[in-house]
Amino acid sequence: MNPEGLVQRFKASASPPIIYLRLNEEINHPDTSLARVGRIISEDASLTARLLRLVNSPFYGFPHRIGSIHEAVFLVGSRQVRDLALVTTLMATFGTIPRDLIDTQSFWLHSLACGTASRLIARSMGKQEGERFFLLGVMHDIGRIVMFNTEPIMSESILRRAAAENRSLTELEHEVFGFTHTQVGRVLTEQWKLPVFLNEVVRCHHAPERAVSFPEEAAIVHAADILAHAVQLGASGEPLLPVLHRPSWERLMVPVSSVERLMREIHTETTAMAWLSSEELTGA
């Protein structure tokens, strides 16, 4: 058994996010236009509805209601809308997790908390690409969903052992499978041709010191994952608080005095967006 084998089995029942690939191609075209980007999104009614709900949520806080996807693209930006489209499309594509393993809504709520934390940390550092960091945080455990769906019996075993033995789920993944969810996520993002920054962060969010091209992004999501666990919104199946890599935290230059306020904001903003993990999106 290897990560490539699990991904191949998962891909047999799941489709890559074609609309994202189309959006990416259009946005990178020298003659692109906001109108064409809007038309591509509008072809998918469910995606259009999800994006409009998101841009009208407290995530943005626009003073008036955004009524069309064309207006959303104009106000938010084509690249930002592309990243939001990838978040919601992947969440819908990955759908449910076997009910005997972990509650699907709880898993996605933790993922949303991590996405929100990533966005807030990036904002505190003066970064403007909030959607990019939200995407990274939400999708950091993408490999774990592949493992849950392709090997539910083995996954149930390690989930039970992690809780009973008070051991790290990631440690047990390596012990039982011979690899971890980060390696599975790397293979999937490569084969689906998802953004290279997503690939590296998925691979390195537990070991940000290993990131080569996007060390800052990996450090942000690493810290965000720990904060998401700390606020206790949802659960990824991991019973232990992930170990903090102190040099990565220090490079973010987030004052310790601001952590309590940051956690309150993570809780408030994630709760306000909890509809994103609803049955409407995941198909649960």
C-alpha atoms as a PDB file:
ATOM      1  CA  MET A   1       0.000   0.000   0.000  1.00  0.00           C
ATOM      2  CA  ASN A   2       1.221   3.499  -0.861  1.00  0.00           C
ATOM      3  CA  PRO A   3      -0.199   7.046  -1.200  1.00  0.00           C
ATOM      4  CA  GLU A   4      -0.413   6.727  -4.987  1.00  0.00           C
ATOM      5  CA  GLY A   5      -2.594   3.626  -4.687  1.00  0.00           C
ATOM      6  CA  LEU A   6      -5.007   5.299  -2.276  1.00  0.00           C
ATOM      7  CA  VAL A   7      -5.302   8.342  -4.523  1.00  0.00           C
ATOM      8  CA  GLN A   8      -5.984   6.194  -7.587  1.00  0.00           C
ATOM      9  CA  ARG A   9      -8.797   4.411  -5.762  1.00  0.00           C
ATOM     10  CA  PHE A  10     -10.223   7.688  -4.534  1.00  0.00           C
ATOM     11  CA  LYS A  11     -10.085   9.252  -8.004  1.00  0.00           C
ATOM     12  CA  ALA A  12     -12.220   6.394  -9.316  1.00  0.00           C
ATOM     13  CA  SER A  13     -15.172   7.815  -7.354  1.00  0.00           C
ATOM     14  CA  ALA A  14     -14.347  11.535  -7.341  1.00  0.00           C
ATOM     15  CA  SER A  15     -13.788  14.060 -10.106  1.00  0.00           C
ATOM     16  CA  PRO A  16     -11.159  16.792 -10.151  1.00  0.00           C
ATOM     17  CA  PRO A  17     -12.475  20.363  -9.863  1.00  0.00           C
ATOM     18  CA  ILE A  18     -12.868  21.002 -13.586  1.00  0.00           C
ATOM     19  CA  ILE A  19     -14.455  24.422 -13.131  1.00  0.00           C
ATOM     20  CA  TYR A  20     -11.431  25.572 -11.142  1.00  0.00           C
ATOM     21  CA  LEU A  21      -9.109  24.439 -13.935  1.00  0.00           C
ATOM     22  CA  ARG A  22     -11.249  26.328 -16.472  1.00  0.00           C
ATOM     23  CA  LEU A  23     -11.225  29.435 -14.285  1.00  0.00           C
ATOM     24  CA  ASN A  24      -7.477  29.218 -13.844  1.00  0.00           C
ATOM     25  CA  GLU A  25      -6.945  28.885 -17.596  1.00  0.00           C
ATOM     26  CA  GLU A  26      -9.201  31.873 -18.276  1.00  0.00           C
ATOM     27  CA  ILE A  27      -7.616  34.078 -15.610  1.00  0.00           C
ATOM     28  CA  ASN A  28      -4.114  33.307 -16.907  1.00  0.00           C
ATOM     29  CA  HIS A  29      -5.110  34.090 -20.506  1.00  0.00           C
ATOM     30  CA  PRO A  30      -3.676  37.428 -21.712  1.00  0.00           C
ATOM     31  CA  ASP A  31      -7.100  38.523 -23.011  1.00  0.00           C
ATOM     32  CA  THR A  32      -9.101  37.523 -19.960  1.00  0.00           C
ATOM     33  CA  SER A  33     -12.063  39.576 -18.791  1.00  0.00           C
ATOM     34  CA  LEU A  34     -14.156  39.701 -15.636  1.00  0.00           C
ATOM     35  CA  ALA A  35     -17.233  39.022 -17.771  1.00  0.00           C
ATOM     36  CA  ARG A  36     -15.841  35.725 -19.077  1.00  0.00           C
ATOM     37  CA  VAL A  37     -14.796  34.672 -15.567  1.00  0.00           C
ATOM     38  CA  GLY A  38     -18.325  35.412 -14.371  1.00  0.00           C
ATOM     39  CA  ARG A  39     -19.866  33.408 -17.225  1.00  0.00           C
ATOM     40  CA  ILE A  40     -17.798  30.321 -16.394  1.00  0.00           C
ATOM     41  CA  ILE A  41     -18.944  30.423 -12.766  1.00  0.00           C
ATOM     42  CA  SER A  42     -22.561  31.104 -13.763  1.00  0.00           C
ATOM     43  CA  GLU A  43     -22.643  27.829 -15.716  1.00  0.00           C
ATOM     44  CA  ASP A  44     -22.656  26.010 -12.365  1.00  0.00           C
ATOM     45  CA  ALA A  45     -25.801  27.013 -10.480  1.00  0.00           C
ATOM     46  CA  SER A  46     -24.812  25.399  -7.175  1.00  0.00           C
ATOM     47  CA  LEU A  47     -21.352  26.972  -7.222  1.00  0.00           C
ATOM     48  CA  THR A  48     -22.894  30.355  -8.039  1.00  0.00           C
ATOM     49  CA  ALA A  49     -25.265  30.060  -5.068  1.00  0.00           C
ATOM     50  CA  ARG A  50     -22.456  29.054  -2.695  1.00  0.00           C
ATOM     51  CA  LEU A  51     -20.186  31.891  -3.789  1.00  0.00           C
ATOM     52  CA  LEU A  52     -22.962  34.469  -3.474  1.00  0.00           C
ATOM     53  CA  ARG A  53     -23.719  33.240   0.029  1.00  0.00           C
ATOM     54  CA  LEU A  54     -20.036  33.526   0.894  1.00  0.00           C
ATOM     55  CA  VAL A  55     -19.541  37.052  -0.456  1.00  0.00           C
ATOM     56  CA  ASN A  56     -22.693  38.123   1.392  1.00  0.00           C
ATOM     57  CA  SER A  57     -21.484  36.609   4.668  1.00  0.00           C
ATOM     58  CA  PRO A  58     -19.517  38.289   7.499  1.00  0.00           C
ATOM     59  CA  PHE A  59     -16.409  36.897   5.780  1.00  0.00           C
ATOM     60  CA  TYR A  60     -16.510  40.086   3.672  1.00  0.00           C
ATOM     61  CA  GLY A  61     -18.951  42.409   5.396  1.00  0.00           C
ATOM     62  CA  PHE A  62     -19.954  44.352   2.276  1.00  0.00           C
ATOM     63  CA  PRO A  63     -22.359  47.202   3.163  1.00  0.00           C
ATOM     64  CA  HIS A  64     -24.928  46.081   0.567  1.00  0.00           C
ATOM     65  CA  ARG A  65     -26.101  42.739  -0.772  1.00  0.00           C
ATOM     66  CA  ILE A  66     -24.203  41.336  -3.767  1.00  0.00           C
ATOM     67  CA  GLY A  67     -26.859  40.136  -6.203  1.00  0.00           C
ATOM     68  CA  SER A  68     -24.899  38.617  -9.091  1.00  0.00           C
ATOM     69  CA  ILE A  69     -21.734  36.641  -9.646  1.00  0.00           C
ATOM     70  CA  HIS A  70     -20.526  39.345 -12.047  1.00  0.00           C
ATOM     71  CA  GLU A  71     -20.732  41.930  -9.256  1.00  0.00           C
ATOM     72  CA  ALA A  72     -18.954  39.502  -6.915  1.00  0.00           C
ATOM     73  CA  VAL A  73     -16.089  39.027  -9.394  1.00  0.00           C
ATOM     74  CA  PHE A  74     -15.833  42.811  -9.836  1.00  0.00           C
ATOM     75  CA  LEU A  75     -15.746  43.539  -6.098  1.00  0.00           C
ATOM     76  CA  VAL A  76     -13.692  40.601  -4.865  1.00  0.00           C
ATOM     77  CA  GLY A  77     -11.416  40.056  -7.859  1.00  0.00           C
ATOM     78  CA  SER A  78     -11.145  37.210 -10.334  1.00  0.00           C
ATOM     79  CA  ARG A  79      -8.222  35.417  -8.680  1.00  0.00           C
ATOM     80  CA  GLN A  80      -9.829  35.664  -5.273  1.00  0.00           C
ATOM     81  CA  VAL A  81     -13.128  34.291  -6.600  1.00  0.00           C
ATOM     82  CA  ARG A  82     -11.186  31.481  -8.284  1.00  0.00           C
ATOM     83  CA  ASP A  83      -9.680  30.486  -4.920  1.00  0.00           C
ATOM     84  CA  LEU A  84     -13.086  30.633  -3.217  1.00  0.00           C
ATOM     85  CA  ALA A  85     -14.510  28.517  -6.025  1.00  0.00           C
ATOM     86  CA  LEU A  86     -11.808  25.928  -5.395  1.00  0.00           C
ATOM     87  CA  VAL A  87     -12.621  25.835  -1.665  1.00  0.00           C
ATOM     88  CA  THR A  88     -16.327  25.256  -2.138  1.00  0.00           C
ATOM     89  CA  THR A  89     -15.893  22.908  -5.116  1.00  0.00           C
ATOM     90  CA  LEU A  90     -13.402  20.710  -3.264  1.00  0.00           C
ATOM     91  CA  MET A  91     -15.604  20.584  -0.186  1.00  0.00           C
ATOM     92  CA  ALA A  92     -18.526  19.493  -2.335  1.00  0.00           C
ATOM     93  CA  THR A  93     -16.373  17.013  -4.295  1.00  0.00           C
ATOM     94  CA  PHE A  94     -14.993  15.384  -1.166  1.00  0.00           C
ATOM     95  CA  GLY A  95     -18.493  15.216   0.263  1.00  0.00           C
ATOM     96  CA  THR A  96     -19.011  12.945   3.201  1.00  0.00           C
ATOM     97  CA  ILE A  97     -16.861  10.821   5.450  1.00  0.00           C
ATOM     98  CA  PRO A  98     -18.031   7.327   6.464  1.00  0.00           C
ATOM     99  CA  ARG A  99     -20.339   7.897   9.428  1.00  0.00           C
ATOM    100  CA  ASP A 100     -18.640   5.260  11.586  1.00  0.00           C
ATOM    101  CA  LEU A 101     -15.399   7.236  11.511  1.00  0.00           C
ATOM    102  CA  ILE A 102     -16.021  10.892  12.247  1.00  0.00           C
ATOM    103  CA  ASP A 103     -18.893  13.335  11.853  1.00  0.00           C
ATOM    104  CA  THR A 104     -18.617  15.028   8.460  1.00  0.00           C
ATOM    105  CA  GLN A 105     -19.943  18.356   9.721  1.00  0.00           C
ATOM    106  CA  SER A 106     -17.479  18.334  12.613  1.00  0.00           C
ATOM    107  CA  PHE A 107     -14.556  17.633  10.278  1.00  0.00           C
ATOM    108  CA  TRP A 108     -15.447  20.511   7.962  1.00  0.00           C
ATOM    109  CA  LEU A 109     -16.095  22.847  10.881  1.00  0.00           C
ATOM    110  CA  HIS A 110     -12.529  22.246  12.077  1.00  0.00           C
ATOM    111  CA  SER A 111     -11.321  22.836   8.513  1.00  0.00           C
ATOM    112  CA  LEU A 112     -13.238  26.128   8.354  1.00  0.00           C
ATOM    113  CA  ALA A 113     -11.722  27.166  11.679  1.00  0.00           C
ATOM    114  CA  CYS A 114      -8.258  26.483  10.276  1.00  0.00           C
ATOM    115  CA  GLY A 115      -9.076  28.448   7.119  1.00  0.00           C
ATOM    116  CA  THR A 116     -10.388  31.357   9.165  1.00  0.00           C
ATOM    117  CA  ALA A 117      -7.327  31.269  11.430  1.00  0.00           C
ATOM    118  CA  SER A 118      -5.004  31.253   8.410  1.00  0.00           C
ATOM    119  CA  ARG A 119      -6.779  34.264   6.953  1.00  0.00           C
ATOM    120  CA  LEU A 120      -6.679  36.172  10.245  1.00  0.00           C
ATOM    121  CA  ILE A 121      -2.987  35.438  10.850  1.00  0.00           C
ATOM    122  CA  ALA A 122      -2.142  36.520   7.298  1.00  0.00           C
ATOM    123  CA  ARG A 123      -4.181  39.701   7.767  1.00  0.00           C
ATOM    124  CA  SER A 124      -2.339  40.473  11.014  1.00  0.00           C
ATOM    125  CA  MET A 125       0.880  40.253   8.986  1.00  0.00           C
ATOM    126  CA  GLY A 126      -0.408  42.788   6.475  1.00  0.00           C
ATOM    127  CA  LYS A 127      -1.147  40.285   3.699  1.00  0.00           C
ATOM    128  CA  GLN A 128      -4.067  41.042   1.398  1.00  0.00           C
ATOM    129  CA  GLU A 129      -4.667  37.612  -0.203  1.00  0.00           C
ATOM    130  CA  GLY A 130      -7.197  36.465   2.370  1.00  0.00           C
ATOM    131  CA  GLU A 131      -8.896  33.961   0.066  1.00  0.00           C
ATOM    132  CA  ARG A 132      -5.626  32.219  -0.702  1.00  0.00           C
ATOM    133  CA  PHE A 133      -4.881  31.633   2.977  1.00  0.00           C
ATOM    134  CA  PHE A 134      -8.482  30.613   3.637  1.00  0.00           C
ATOM    135  CA  LEU A 135      -8.142  27.990   0.899  1.00  0.00           C
ATOM    136  CA  LEU A 136      -4.889  26.693   2.374  1.00  0.00           C
ATOM    137  CA  GLY A 137      -6.346  26.361   5.849  1.00  0.00           C
ATOM    138  CA  VAL A 138      -9.587  24.700   4.790  1.00  0.00           C
ATOM    139  CA  MET A 139      -7.851  22.115   2.627  1.00  0.00           C
ATOM    140  CA  HIS A 140      -4.844  21.280   4.849  1.00  0.00           C
ATOM    141  CA  ASP A 141      -6.200  17.826   5.800  1.00  0.00           C
ATOM    142  CA  ILE A 142      -7.385  16.881   2.303  1.00  0.00           C
ATOM    143  CA  GLY A 143      -5.308  13.674   2.411  1.00  0.00           C
ATOM    144  CA  ARG A 144      -7.092  12.476   5.535  1.00  0.00           C
ATOM    145  CA  ILE A 145     -10.429  12.437   3.687  1.00  0.00           C
ATOM    146  CA  VAL A 146      -8.884  10.227   1.007  1.00  0.00           C
ATOM    147  CA  MET A 147      -7.684   7.803   3.690  1.00  0.00           C
ATOM    148  CA  PHE A 148     -11.047   7.778   5.474  1.00  0.00           C
ATOM    149  CA  ASN A 149     -12.889   6.970   2.237  1.00  0.00           C
ATOM    150  CA  THR A 150     -10.507   4.417   0.733  1.00  0.00           C
ATOM    151  CA  GLU A 151      -9.479   2.580   3.913  1.00  0.00           C
ATOM    152  CA  PRO A 152     -12.341   3.051   6.403  1.00  0.00           C
ATOM    153  CA  ILE A 153     -11.550  -0.074   8.476  1.00  0.00           C
ATOM    154  CA  MET A 154      -7.895   0.806   9.000  1.00  0.00           C
ATOM    155  CA  SER A 155      -8.853   4.443   9.574  1.00  0.00           C
ATOM    156  CA  GLU A 156     -11.380   3.459  12.230  1.00  0.00           C
ATOM    157  CA  SER A 157      -8.703   1.406  13.945  1.00  0.00           C
ATOM    158  CA  ILE A 158      -6.232   4.259  14.178  1.00  0.00           C
ATOM    159  CA  LEU A 159      -8.935   6.738  15.252  1.00  0.00           C
ATOM    160  CA  ARG A 160      -9.900   4.433  18.124  1.00  0.00           C
ATOM    161  CA  ARG A 161      -6.278   3.806  19.080  1.00  0.00           C
ATOM    162  CA  ALA A 162      -5.432   7.508  18.980  1.00  0.00           C
ATOM    163  CA  ALA A 163      -8.272   8.276  21.403  1.00  0.00           C
ATOM    164  CA  ALA A 164      -7.669   5.259  23.672  1.00  0.00           C
ATOM    165  CA  GLU A 165      -3.877   5.569  23.803  1.00  0.00           C
ATOM    166  CA  ASN A 166      -3.782   9.380  23.732  1.00  0.00           C
ATOM    167  CA  ARG A 167      -1.456   9.294  20.749  1.00  0.00           C
ATOM    168  CA  SER A 168      -1.120  11.488  17.708  1.00  0.00           C
ATOM    169  CA  LEU A 169      -3.283  10.378  14.779  1.00  0.00           C
ATOM    170  CA  THR A 170      -0.493  11.359  12.395  1.00  0.00           C
ATOM    171  CA  GLU A 171       1.969   9.142  14.297  1.00  0.00           C
ATOM    172  CA  LEU A 172      -0.433   6.198  14.078  1.00  0.00           C
ATOM    173  CA  GLU A 173      -1.054   6.813  10.364  1.00  0.00           C
ATOM    174  CA  HIS A 174       2.657   6.348   9.779  1.00  0.00           C
ATOM    175  CA  GLU A 175       2.782   3.288  12.036  1.00  0.00           C
ATOM    176  CA  VAL A 176      -0.210   1.527  10.427  1.00  0.00           C
ATOM    177  CA  PHE A 177      -0.174   2.730   6.808  1.00  0.00           C
ATOM    178  CA  GLY A 178       3.516   3.453   6.439  1.00  0.00           C
ATOM    179  CA  PHE A 179       2.717   7.042   5.394  1.00  0.00           C
ATOM    180  CA  THR A 180       0.572   9.938   6.586  1.00  0.00           C
ATOM    181  CA  HIS A 181      -2.279  12.100   5.321  1.00  0.00           C
ATOM    182  CA  THR A 182       0.217  14.792   4.328  1.00  0.00           C
ATOM    183  CA  GLN A 183       1.822  12.461   1.781  1.00  0.00           C
ATOM    184  CA  VAL A 184      -1.561  11.380   0.444  1.00  0.00           C
ATOM    185  CA  GLY A 185      -2.579  15.028   0.098  1.00  0.00           C
ATOM    186  CA  ARG A 186       0.621  15.788  -1.788  1.00  0.00           C
ATOM    187  CA  VAL A 187      -0.051  13.048  -4.331  1.00  0.00           C
ATOM    188  CA  LEU A 188      -3.664  14.109  -4.822  1.00  0.00           C
ATOM    189  CA  THR A 189      -2.876  17.791  -5.344  1.00  0.00           C
ATOM    190  CA  GLU A 190      -0.152  16.861  -7.826  1.00  0.00           C
ATOM    191  CA  GLN A 191      -2.369  14.523  -9.832  1.00  0.00           C
ATOM    192  CA  TRP A 192      -5.281  16.968  -9.873  1.00  0.00           C
ATOM    193  CA  LYS A 193      -2.926  19.796 -10.892  1.00  0.00           C
ATOM    194  CA  LEU A 194      -4.001  21.976  -7.995  1.00  0.00           C
ATOM    195  CA  PRO A 195      -1.910  25.061  -7.094  1.00  0.00           C
ATOM    196  CA  VAL A 196       1.701  24.366  -6.160  1.00  0.00           C
ATOM    197  CA  PHE A 197       1.376  26.470  -3.008  1.00  0.00           C
ATOM    198  CA  LEU A 198      -1.488  24.221  -1.880  1.00  0.00           C
ATOM    199  CA  ASN A 199       0.610  21.145  -2.580  1.00  0.00           C
ATOM    200  CA  GLU A 200       3.501  22.317  -0.412  1.00  0.00           C
ATOM    201  CA  VAL A 201       1.324  23.483   2.471  1.00  0.00           C
ATOM    202  CA  VAL A 202      -0.671  20.226   2.486  1.00  0.00           C
ATOM    203  CA  ARG A 203       2.624  18.338   2.571  1.00  0.00           C
ATOM    204  CA  CYS A 204       4.335  20.501   5.194  1.00  0.00           C
ATOM    205  CA  HIS A 205       1.666  21.848   7.559  1.00  0.00           C
ATOM    206  CA  HIS A 206       2.913  19.568  10.362  1.00  0.00           C
ATOM    207  CA  ALA A 207       6.562  20.226   9.495  1.00  0.00           C
ATOM    208  CA  PRO A 208       6.719  23.793   8.120  1.00  0.00           C
ATOM    209  CA  GLU A 209      10.511  23.789   8.344  1.00  0.00           C
ATOM    210  CA  ARG A 210      10.502  21.428   5.340  1.00  0.00           C
ATOM    211  CA  ALA A 211       8.763  23.928   3.064  1.00  0.00           C
ATOM    212  CA  VAL A 212      11.070  25.252   0.341  1.00  0.00           C
ATOM    213  CA  SER A 213       9.034  27.464  -1.980  1.00  0.00           C
ATOM    214  CA  PHE A 214       6.275  28.613   0.395  1.00  0.00           C
ATOM    215  CA  PRO A 215       7.705  28.512   3.928  1.00  0.00           C
ATOM    216  CA  GLU A 216       5.646  31.464   5.143  1.00  0.00           C
ATOM    217  CA  GLU A 217       2.377  29.923   3.950  1.00  0.00           C
ATOM    218  CA  ALA A 218       3.302  26.616   5.587  1.00  0.00           C
ATOM    219  CA  ALA A 219       4.125  28.409   8.844  1.00  0.00           C
ATOM    220  CA  ILE A 220       0.803  30.277   8.798  1.00  0.00           C
ATOM    221  CA  VAL A 221      -1.267  27.129   8.265  1.00  0.00           C
ATOM    222  CA  HIS A 222       0.811  25.233  10.838  1.00  0.00           C
ATOM    223  CA  ALA A 223      -0.022  27.880  13.448  1.00  0.00           C
ATOM    224  CA  ALA A 224      -3.624  28.125  12.252  1.00  0.00           C
ATOM    225  CA  ASP A 225      -4.143  24.377  12.657  1.00  0.00           C
ATOM    226  CA  ILE A 226      -2.986  24.562  16.273  1.00  0.00           C
ATOM    227  CA  LEU A 227      -5.252  27.549  16.994  1.00  0.00           C
ATOM    228  CA  ALA A 228      -8.189  25.799  15.291  1.00  0.00           C
ATOM    229  CA  HIS A 229      -7.723  22.827  17.611  1.00  0.00           C
ATOM    230  CA  ALA A 230      -7.454  25.172  20.572  1.00  0.00           C
ATOM    231  CA  VAL A 231     -10.788  26.908  19.912  1.00  0.00           C
ATOM    232  CA  GLN A 232     -12.449  23.455  19.821  1.00  0.00           C
ATOM    233  CA  LEU A 233     -14.760  24.035  16.881  1.00  0.00           C
ATOM    234  CA  GLY A 234     -15.255  20.715  15.142  1.00  0.00           C
ATOM    235  CA  ALA A 235     -12.690  17.912  15.036  1.00  0.00           C
ATOM    236  CA  SER A 236     -10.346  16.297  12.510  1.00  0.00           C
ATOM    237  CA  GLY A 237     -10.056  13.056  14.467  1.00  0.00           C
ATOM    238  CA  GLU A 238      -6.778  14.174  16.042  1.00  0.00           C
ATOM    239  CA  PRO A 239      -7.074  13.856  19.855  1.00  0.00           C
ATOM    240  CA  LEU A 240      -3.892  15.790  20.635  1.00  0.00           C
ATOM    241  CA  LEU A 241      -2.996  19.415  20.079  1.00  0.00           C
ATOM    242  CA  PRO A 242      -0.400  19.393  17.268  1.00  0.00           C
ATOM    243  CA  VAL A 243       3.143  20.181  18.357  1.00  0.00           C
ATOM    244  CA  LEU A 244       4.146  23.779  17.684  1.00  0.00           C
ATOM    245  CA  HIS A 245       7.305  24.336  15.658  1.00  0.00           C
ATOM    246  CA  ARG A 246       8.567  27.389  17.528  1.00  0.00           C
ATOM    247  CA  PRO A 247      10.832  28.879  14.807  1.00  0.00           C
ATOM    248  CA  SER A 248       7.873  28.846  12.395  1.00  0.00           C
ATOM    249  CA  TRP A 249       5.690  30.615  14.950  1.00  0.00           C
ATOM    250  CA  GLU A 250       8.403  33.186  15.595  1.00  0.00           C
ATOM    251  CA  ARG A 251       8.765  34.007  11.909  1.00  0.00           C
ATOM    252  CA  LEU A 252       5.114  35.089  11.873  1.00  0.00           C
ATOM    253  CA  MET A 253       5.861  37.745  14.516  1.00  0.00           C
ATOM    254  CA  VAL A 254       2.413  37.409  16.083  1.00  0.00           C
ATOM    255  CA  PRO A 255       2.626  38.852  19.622  1.00  0.00           C
ATOM    256  CA  VAL A 256       1.728  36.371  22.345  1.00  0.00           C
ATOM    257  CA  SER A 257      -0.446  39.095  23.857  1.00  0.00           C
ATOM    258  CA  SER A 258      -2.701  38.988  20.769  1.00  0.00           C
ATOM    259  CA  VAL A 259      -3.324  35.212  20.773  1.00  0.00           C
ATOM    260  CA  GLU A 260      -6.383  35.383  23.039  1.00  0.00           C
ATOM    261  CA  ARG A 261      -7.982  38.052  20.855  1.00  0.00           C
ATOM    262  CA  LEU A 262      -7.093  36.064  17.733  1.00  0.00           C
ATOM    263  CA  MET A 263      -8.793  32.960  19.141  1.00  0.00           C
ATOM    264  CA  ARG A 264     -11.945  34.949  19.884  1.00  0.00           C
ATOM    265  CA  GLU A 265     -11.987  36.232  16.304  1.00  0.00           C
ATOM    266  CA  ILE A 266     -11.458  32.712  14.933  1.00  0.00           C
ATOM    267  CA  HIS A 267     -14.402  31.471  16.980  1.00  0.00           C
ATOM    268  CA  THR A 268     -16.664  34.371  15.952  1.00  0.00           C
ATOM    269  CA  GLU A 269     -15.872  34.300  12.234  1.00  0.00           C
ATOM    270  CA  THR A 270     -15.965  30.500  11.946  1.00  0.00           C
ATOM    271  CA  THR A 271     -19.326  30.340  13.701  1.00  0.00           C
ATOM    272  CA  ALA A 272     -20.666  32.993  11.325  1.00  0.00           C
ATOM    273  CA  MET A 273     -19.604  30.845   8.351  1.00  0.00           C
ATOM    274  CA  ALA A 274     -20.657  27.474   9.735  1.00  0.00           C
ATOM    275  CA  TRP A 275     -23.230  27.128   6.942  1.00  0.00           C
ATOM    276  CA  LEU A 276     -20.303  26.248   4.649  1.00  0.00           C
ATOM    277  CA  SER A 277     -20.081  22.831   6.300  1.00  0.00           C
ATOM    278  CA  SER A 278     -23.816  22.263   6.051  1.00  0.00           C
ATOM    279  CA  GLU A 279     -25.601  19.430   4.243  1.00  0.00           C
ATOM    280  CA  GLU A 280     -26.257  21.776   1.324  1.00  0.00           C
ATOM    281  CA  LEU A 281     -22.535  21.882   0.570  1.00  0.00           C
ATOM    282  CA  THR A 282     -21.168  18.493   1.553  1.00  0.00           C
ATOM    283  CA  GLY A 283     -24.094  16.361   0.483  1.00  0.00           C
ATOM    284  CA  ALA A 284     -24.173  14.695   3.889  1.00  0.00           C
END
